[in-house]
Amino acid sequence: MKKLYALIVFLGLCINASLAQDSTALKIAALEKSFTYQHGTIKIGDGIATVTVPKGFKYLDSVQSLRVLTEIWGNPKSPNMTLGFILPEAQGVVAGGYVFNIQYDAIGYVKDDDAKDVDYDEMLTNLKTETVEENAERQKAGYEPITIVGWAAKPFYDADKHILHWAKEVKFGTDSLNTLNYNVRVLGRKGVLVLNAIATMNEIAPVKADVPHVLTMVAFTDGNKYTNFDSGIDKVAAWTIGGLVAGKILAKVGFFALAVKFWKLIALAFVAVGGAIKKFFTGKKNAAPLTPDEEEKEPVAAFESLGDDAEEKKEEDKPVV
């Protein structure tokens, strides 16, 4: 009799797990459909640059991208966090894959005189040492320690197009899945366009394959280009090509750490119950146990709330007419 009872309980748990998987899959699919993507040429950054989206790719505007970064991936909100996402046409932002987040940093005109003189092997050694030394402070701030594994793509500067790109393989804490930190910098008259791939090392092949396309999509508008620099009135940046690569881009460790955890948790959500999903979306820890009704309602609210600001479009994200 006890064996029969145990079997009934086990079957019940299996059914509940299956229903939870189906429910989560439906909610994720509904969330993906709530996003509105754009194609063609779109002005960004108050017209300082444009994104030209070719066939096979799509653009998510800054308002929606900010919601993804903060409300879905759990990153703390910060100024100038995004000018939008570029991602493959066949991919969504919830169910995995990669996205390139676009930002603009008005640091001034970056001189590229040192581009051919940088020893990137020596730089990597120094970066590894500095990162280890900084881990104590990082952990005090509540973040996981970081290990720079190595170059995933060695730095390369295109002097004709004034575009710099490189990639690091980064490990957060004891995570078994390493983060791909792929960086693109498009140099301009008064600053740089910053494109960072948010991905794991599992996505390195498609990211590398798509980088040549991504490099052609984002450009400064006339008057803001690198060649428009006027030494009489424009500020020269304190940064150089080597400085951009060596810069403390990992200071905002929460951004990339949570990006990795995002994909892990999405995978786990398909074999988890509602309470675990709620913890993911709300970020609450040590909360009181949920009732069955709460477990069912809370994840739905988390998904549905993401569409509240769908109409809040900025003028800079509208296609160029």
Protein backbone atom coordinates (compact mmCIF):
# COMPACT_ATOMS: atom_id res chain seq x y z
CA MET A 1 0.00 0.00 0.00
CA LYS A 2 2.85 2.38 0.90
CA LYS A 3 4.51 1.66 -2.44
CA LEU A 4 1.25 2.43 -4.26
CA TYR A 5 0.86 5.69 -2.33
CA ALA A 6 4.47 6.66 -3.11
CA LEU A 7 3.86 5.91 -6.79
CA ILE A 8 0.74 8.09 -6.81
CA VAL A 9 2.64 10.96 -5.18
CA PHE A 10 5.51 10.58 -7.65
CA LEU A 11 3.12 10.62 -10.62
CA GLY A 12 1.44 13.70 -9.21
CA LEU A 13 4.76 15.49 -8.93
CA CYS A 14 5.62 14.56 -12.50
CA ILE A 15 2.30 15.92 -13.76
CA ASN A 16 2.77 19.17 -11.82
CA ALA A 17 6.31 19.56 -13.19
CA SER A 18 5.05 18.98 -16.73
CA LEU A 19 2.29 21.55 -16.29
CA ALA A 20 4.81 24.03 -14.88
CA GLN A 21 7.04 23.51 -17.92
CA ASP A 22 4.15 24.07 -20.33
CA SER A 23 2.97 27.15 -18.44
CA THR A 24 6.45 28.68 -18.37
CA ALA A 25 6.99 27.98 -22.07
CA LEU A 26 3.71 29.69 -22.93
CA LYS A 27 4.57 32.75 -20.82
CA ILE A 28 8.02 33.06 -22.37
CA ALA A 29 6.51 32.78 -25.85
CA ALA A 30 3.95 35.46 -24.98
CA LEU A 31 6.69 37.75 -23.64
CA GLU A 32 8.74 37.35 -26.82
CA LYS A 33 5.71 38.35 -28.92
CA SER A 34 5.27 41.53 -26.86
CA PHE A 35 8.44 43.10 -28.26
CA THR A 36 8.33 45.31 -31.36
CA TYR A 37 11.44 45.15 -33.53
CA GLN A 38 12.58 47.51 -36.27
CA HIS A 39 14.44 47.23 -39.57
CA GLY A 40 15.94 49.70 -41.98
CA THR A 41 17.78 52.83 -40.82
CA ILE A 42 17.07 54.15 -37.31
CA LYS A 43 18.49 57.27 -35.64
CA ILE A 44 19.95 56.73 -32.16
CA GLY A 45 21.54 58.90 -29.48
CA ASP A 46 19.64 62.10 -30.39
CA GLY A 47 20.75 61.70 -33.98
CA ILE A 48 24.47 61.34 -33.32
CA ALA A 49 24.47 57.95 -35.05
CA THR A 50 22.33 55.53 -37.02
CA VAL A 51 21.70 51.81 -37.00
CA THR A 52 21.10 50.29 -40.43
CA VAL A 53 19.57 46.84 -39.95
CA PRO A 54 20.03 44.43 -42.87
CA LYS A 55 18.12 41.27 -43.67
CA GLY A 56 18.77 38.57 -41.08
CA PHE A 57 18.92 41.00 -38.14
CA LYS A 58 16.58 43.22 -36.13
CA TYR A 59 16.77 46.18 -33.74
CA LEU A 60 15.04 46.60 -30.38
CA ASP A 61 14.66 50.25 -29.33
CA SER A 62 16.17 51.78 -26.20
CA VAL A 63 12.95 51.78 -24.14
CA GLN A 64 12.34 48.06 -24.61
CA SER A 65 16.02 47.17 -24.29
CA LEU A 66 16.22 48.99 -20.96
CA ARG A 67 13.29 46.94 -19.69
CA VAL A 68 15.04 43.75 -20.78
CA LEU A 69 18.27 44.73 -19.04
CA THR A 70 16.63 45.76 -15.79
CA GLU A 71 13.35 43.87 -15.45
CA ILE A 72 14.17 40.56 -17.14
CA TRP A 73 17.91 40.24 -16.60
CA GLY A 74 17.89 41.97 -13.22
CA ASN A 75 20.62 44.57 -13.79
CA PRO A 76 20.51 47.73 -11.66
CA LYS A 77 19.35 50.71 -13.70
CA SER A 78 22.04 53.24 -14.58
CA PRO A 79 22.32 56.33 -16.84
CA ASN A 80 22.99 55.84 -20.57
CA MET A 81 22.53 52.11 -20.16
CA THR A 82 21.40 51.37 -23.71
CA LEU A 83 20.57 52.85 -27.10
CA GLY A 84 19.02 49.55 -28.15
CA PHE A 85 19.86 45.97 -29.07
CA ILE A 86 20.99 44.37 -32.33
CA LEU A 87 20.25 40.66 -32.61
CA PRO A 88 19.62 37.94 -35.22
CA GLU A 89 16.18 37.97 -36.84
CA ALA A 90 15.34 34.40 -35.85
CA GLN A 91 16.25 34.91 -32.20
CA GLY A 92 14.44 36.41 -29.22
CA VAL A 93 15.77 38.14 -26.11
CA VAL A 94 14.31 35.69 -23.59
CA ALA A 95 15.06 32.22 -24.88
CA GLY A 96 18.81 32.45 -25.29
CA GLY A 97 21.28 33.42 -28.01
CA TYR A 98 23.16 36.73 -28.02
CA VAL A 99 22.47 40.44 -28.35
CA PHE A 100 24.73 43.43 -29.00
CA ASN A 101 23.89 46.26 -26.62
CA ILE A 102 24.59 49.76 -28.04
CA GLN A 103 25.79 52.69 -25.94
CA TYR A 104 27.52 56.03 -26.55
CA ASP A 105 30.41 57.34 -24.47
CA ALA A 106 31.24 61.03 -25.02
CA ILE A 107 34.87 60.72 -23.95
CA GLY A 108 36.19 62.88 -26.79
CA TYR A 109 38.28 62.19 -29.87
CA VAL A 110 40.38 59.04 -29.38
CA LYS A 111 43.79 59.27 -31.03
CA ASP A 112 44.80 56.03 -32.73
CA ASP A 113 48.55 56.68 -32.97
CA ASP A 114 49.38 53.76 -30.69
CA ALA A 115 47.28 51.16 -32.51
CA LYS A 116 50.25 49.35 -34.07
CA ASP A 117 52.45 49.52 -30.98
CA VAL A 118 50.28 47.82 -28.35
CA ASP A 119 51.55 44.48 -27.00
CA TYR A 120 48.24 42.72 -26.34
CA ASP A 121 49.85 39.61 -24.86
CA GLU A 122 51.55 41.75 -22.21
CA MET A 123 48.29 43.64 -21.67
CA LEU A 124 46.42 40.39 -21.06
CA THR A 125 48.94 39.34 -18.43
CA ASN A 126 48.52 42.69 -16.67
CA LEU A 127 44.73 42.53 -16.86
CA LYS A 128 44.70 39.09 -15.26
CA THR A 129 46.90 40.30 -12.41
CA GLU A 130 44.85 43.47 -11.83
CA THR A 131 41.59 41.54 -11.86
CA VAL A 132 42.83 39.12 -9.21
CA GLU A 133 43.95 42.03 -7.03
CA GLU A 134 40.56 43.74 -7.40
CA ASN A 135 38.53 40.67 -6.52
CA ALA A 136 38.73 41.35 -2.78
CA GLU A 137 36.94 44.69 -3.21
CA ARG A 138 34.52 43.17 -5.69
CA GLN A 139 33.52 40.49 -3.21
CA LYS A 140 33.10 43.09 -0.45
CA ALA A 141 30.61 44.83 -2.73
CA GLY A 142 28.64 41.61 -3.01
CA TYR A 143 29.82 40.48 -6.44
CA GLU A 144 31.46 37.24 -7.45
CA PRO A 145 35.20 37.17 -8.14
CA ILE A 146 36.24 37.41 -11.78
CA THR A 147 38.83 35.41 -13.70
CA ILE A 148 39.95 36.57 -17.14
CA VAL A 149 40.60 33.30 -18.95
CA GLY A 150 42.11 34.89 -22.06
CA TRP A 151 41.40 36.54 -25.39
CA ALA A 152 38.41 34.99 -27.14
CA ALA A 153 39.31 37.22 -30.07
CA LYS A 154 42.57 39.21 -30.05
CA PRO A 155 42.17 43.01 -30.39
CA PHE A 156 42.06 44.33 -33.95
CA TYR A 157 41.86 47.94 -35.10
CA ASP A 158 40.63 48.85 -38.58
CA ALA A 159 42.40 52.14 -39.24
CA ASP A 160 40.35 52.87 -42.36
CA LYS A 161 36.97 52.46 -40.70
CA HIS A 162 38.16 53.57 -37.24
CA ILE A 163 36.64 50.52 -35.58
CA LEU A 164 38.25 48.53 -32.76
CA HIS A 165 37.02 45.12 -31.63
CA TRP A 166 38.17 42.37 -29.29
CA ALA A 167 36.78 39.69 -26.98
CA LYS A 168 37.61 38.25 -23.59
CA GLU A 169 36.58 34.94 -22.08
CA VAL A 170 35.57 35.67 -18.49
CA LYS A 171 34.67 33.40 -15.60
CA PHE A 172 32.42 34.59 -12.79
CA GLY A 173 32.91 32.84 -9.46
CA THR A 174 32.65 29.09 -9.87
CA ASP A 175 30.27 29.20 -12.83
CA SER A 176 30.85 26.27 -15.16
CA LEU A 177 29.72 28.34 -18.16
CA ASN A 178 32.05 31.22 -18.99
CA THR A 179 30.95 34.62 -20.25
CA LEU A 180 31.86 35.93 -23.70
CA ASN A 181 32.78 39.62 -23.33
CA TYR A 182 32.85 40.76 -27.00
CA ASN A 183 33.54 44.47 -27.48
CA VAL A 184 33.25 46.81 -30.46
CA ARG A 185 34.23 50.49 -30.39
CA VAL A 186 33.35 52.78 -33.28
CA LEU A 187 35.44 55.94 -33.00
CA GLY A 188 33.80 59.29 -33.61
CA ARG A 189 34.49 63.00 -33.45
CA LYS A 190 33.45 63.48 -29.81
CA GLY A 191 33.30 59.96 -28.41
CA VAL A 192 32.83 56.29 -29.18
CA LEU A 193 29.90 54.07 -29.93
CA VAL A 194 30.13 51.08 -27.60
CA LEU A 195 28.76 47.71 -28.69
CA ASN A 196 29.01 44.85 -26.22
CA ALA A 197 27.85 41.35 -26.99
CA ILE A 198 25.89 39.82 -24.12
CA ALA A 199 26.49 36.11 -24.48
CA THR A 200 28.12 33.01 -23.07
CA MET A 201 31.03 31.11 -24.57
CA ASN A 202 28.44 28.76 -26.09
CA GLU A 203 27.52 31.61 -28.45
CA ILE A 204 31.07 32.46 -29.55
CA ALA A 205 30.71 30.83 -32.99
CA PRO A 206 27.57 32.75 -34.07
CA VAL A 207 28.85 35.98 -32.50
CA LYS A 208 32.16 35.77 -34.39
CA ALA A 209 30.31 34.90 -37.58
CA ASP A 210 28.02 37.92 -37.22
CA VAL A 211 30.59 40.50 -36.08
CA PRO A 212 31.52 41.51 -39.68
CA HIS A 213 27.84 42.30 -40.30
CA VAL A 214 27.42 44.14 -37.00
CA LEU A 215 30.45 46.33 -37.77
CA THR A 216 28.64 47.73 -40.82
CA MET A 217 25.34 48.45 -39.05
CA VAL A 218 26.28 51.28 -36.67
CA ALA A 219 27.77 54.55 -37.92
CA PHE A 220 28.11 58.17 -36.87
CA THR A 221 26.09 60.72 -38.81
CA ASP A 222 27.68 63.48 -40.90
CA GLY A 223 29.38 66.00 -38.66
CA ASN A 224 29.97 63.42 -35.95
CA LYS A 225 32.34 61.12 -37.81
CA TYR A 226 35.96 60.53 -36.83
CA THR A 227 37.11 62.44 -39.92
CA ASN A 228 35.09 65.51 -38.84
CA PHE A 229 37.44 66.15 -35.91
CA ASP A 230 38.41 69.82 -35.51
CA SER A 231 41.54 70.24 -33.37
CA GLY A 232 40.62 73.86 -32.76
CA ILE A 233 37.38 73.18 -30.90
CA ASP A 234 37.07 69.45 -30.18
CA LYS A 235 38.27 67.72 -27.02
CA VAL A 236 40.90 64.99 -27.28
CA ALA A 237 40.15 61.94 -25.12
CA ALA A 238 42.51 60.81 -22.40
CA TRP A 239 42.05 57.31 -23.83
CA THR A 240 44.04 55.72 -26.65
CA ILE A 241 43.41 52.50 -28.58
CA GLY A 242 45.31 50.48 -25.99
CA GLY A 243 43.48 52.29 -23.21
CA LEU A 244 40.08 51.34 -24.62
CA VAL A 245 41.01 47.65 -24.61
CA ALA A 246 42.59 47.82 -21.15
CA GLY A 247 39.79 49.94 -19.70
CA LYS A 248 37.92 48.77 -16.61
CA ILE A 249 34.95 47.49 -18.56
CA LEU A 250 34.47 44.75 -16.01
CA ALA A 251 33.86 47.22 -13.21
CA LYS A 252 30.13 46.83 -13.85
CA VAL A 253 30.40 43.13 -13.14
CA GLY A 254 26.72 42.75 -12.34
CA PHE A 255 25.85 43.37 -15.98
CA PHE A 256 27.69 40.40 -17.38
CA ALA A 257 27.31 38.14 -14.36
CA LEU A 258 23.55 38.50 -14.41
CA ALA A 259 23.48 38.05 -18.17
CA VAL A 260 25.02 34.62 -17.70
CA LYS A 261 22.67 33.78 -14.86
CA PHE A 262 19.74 34.86 -17.01
CA TRP A 263 20.26 32.05 -19.47
CA LYS A 264 20.91 29.54 -16.72
CA LEU A 265 17.69 30.46 -14.97
CA ILE A 266 15.64 30.38 -18.16
CA ALA A 267 16.88 26.83 -18.73
CA LEU A 268 16.09 25.88 -15.14
CA ALA A 269 12.65 27.47 -15.34
CA PHE A 270 11.48 24.72 -17.64
CA VAL A 271 12.03 22.16 -14.90
CA ALA A 272 11.11 24.37 -11.95
CA VAL A 273 7.93 25.32 -10.14
CA GLY A 274 6.42 28.80 -10.05
CA GLY A 275 8.16 29.83 -6.83
CA ALA A 276 11.59 29.51 -8.41
CA ILE A 277 10.47 31.56 -11.41
CA LYS A 278 9.16 34.26 -9.09
CA LYS A 279 12.52 34.41 -7.32
CA PHE A 280 14.20 34.89 -10.70
CA PHE A 281 11.97 37.70 -11.88
CA THR A 282 11.66 39.58 -8.60
CA GLY A 283 15.20 38.97 -7.33
CA LYS A 284 13.85 38.50 -3.80
CA LYS A 285 15.80 36.33 -1.41
CA ASN A 286 14.72 34.60 1.76
CA ALA A 287 11.09 35.47 1.12
CA ALA A 288 8.26 33.74 2.91
CA PRO A 289 7.05 30.53 1.18
CA LEU A 290 4.40 31.15 -1.45
CA THR A 291 0.96 29.64 -1.37
CA PRO A 292 -0.09 27.61 -4.42
CA ASP A 293 -2.27 30.51 -5.58
CA GLU A 294 0.63 32.97 -5.25
CA GLU A 295 2.95 30.67 -7.15
CA GLU A 296 0.55 30.67 -10.06
CA LYS A 297 -0.25 34.38 -10.11
CA GLU A 298 3.08 36.06 -9.43
CA PRO A 299 5.05 34.86 -12.51
CA VAL A 300 2.15 35.91 -14.73
CA ALA A 301 2.23 39.41 -13.25
CA ALA A 302 5.98 39.59 -13.78
CA PHE A 303 5.61 38.75 -17.47
CA GLU A 304 2.58 40.95 -18.09
CA SER A 305 4.10 44.02 -16.39
CA LEU A 306 6.86 44.12 -18.99
CA GLY A 307 4.44 45.31 -21.65
CA ASP A 308 3.13 48.30 -19.69
CA ASP A 309 5.36 50.85 -21.39
CA ALA A 310 5.06 49.58 -24.96
CA GLU A 311 3.89 52.98 -26.15
CA GLU A 312 6.78 54.89 -24.55
CA LYS A 313 8.88 55.23 -27.69
CA LYS A 314 11.63 57.83 -27.97
CA GLU A 315 11.93 59.93 -31.11
CA GLU A 316 15.54 58.77 -31.50
CA ASP A 317 14.36 55.18 -31.96
CA LYS A 318 12.06 55.94 -34.90
CA PRO A 319 13.04 54.90 -38.43
CA VAL A 320 14.53 57.63 -40.60
CA VAL A 321 12.00 58.86 -43.16
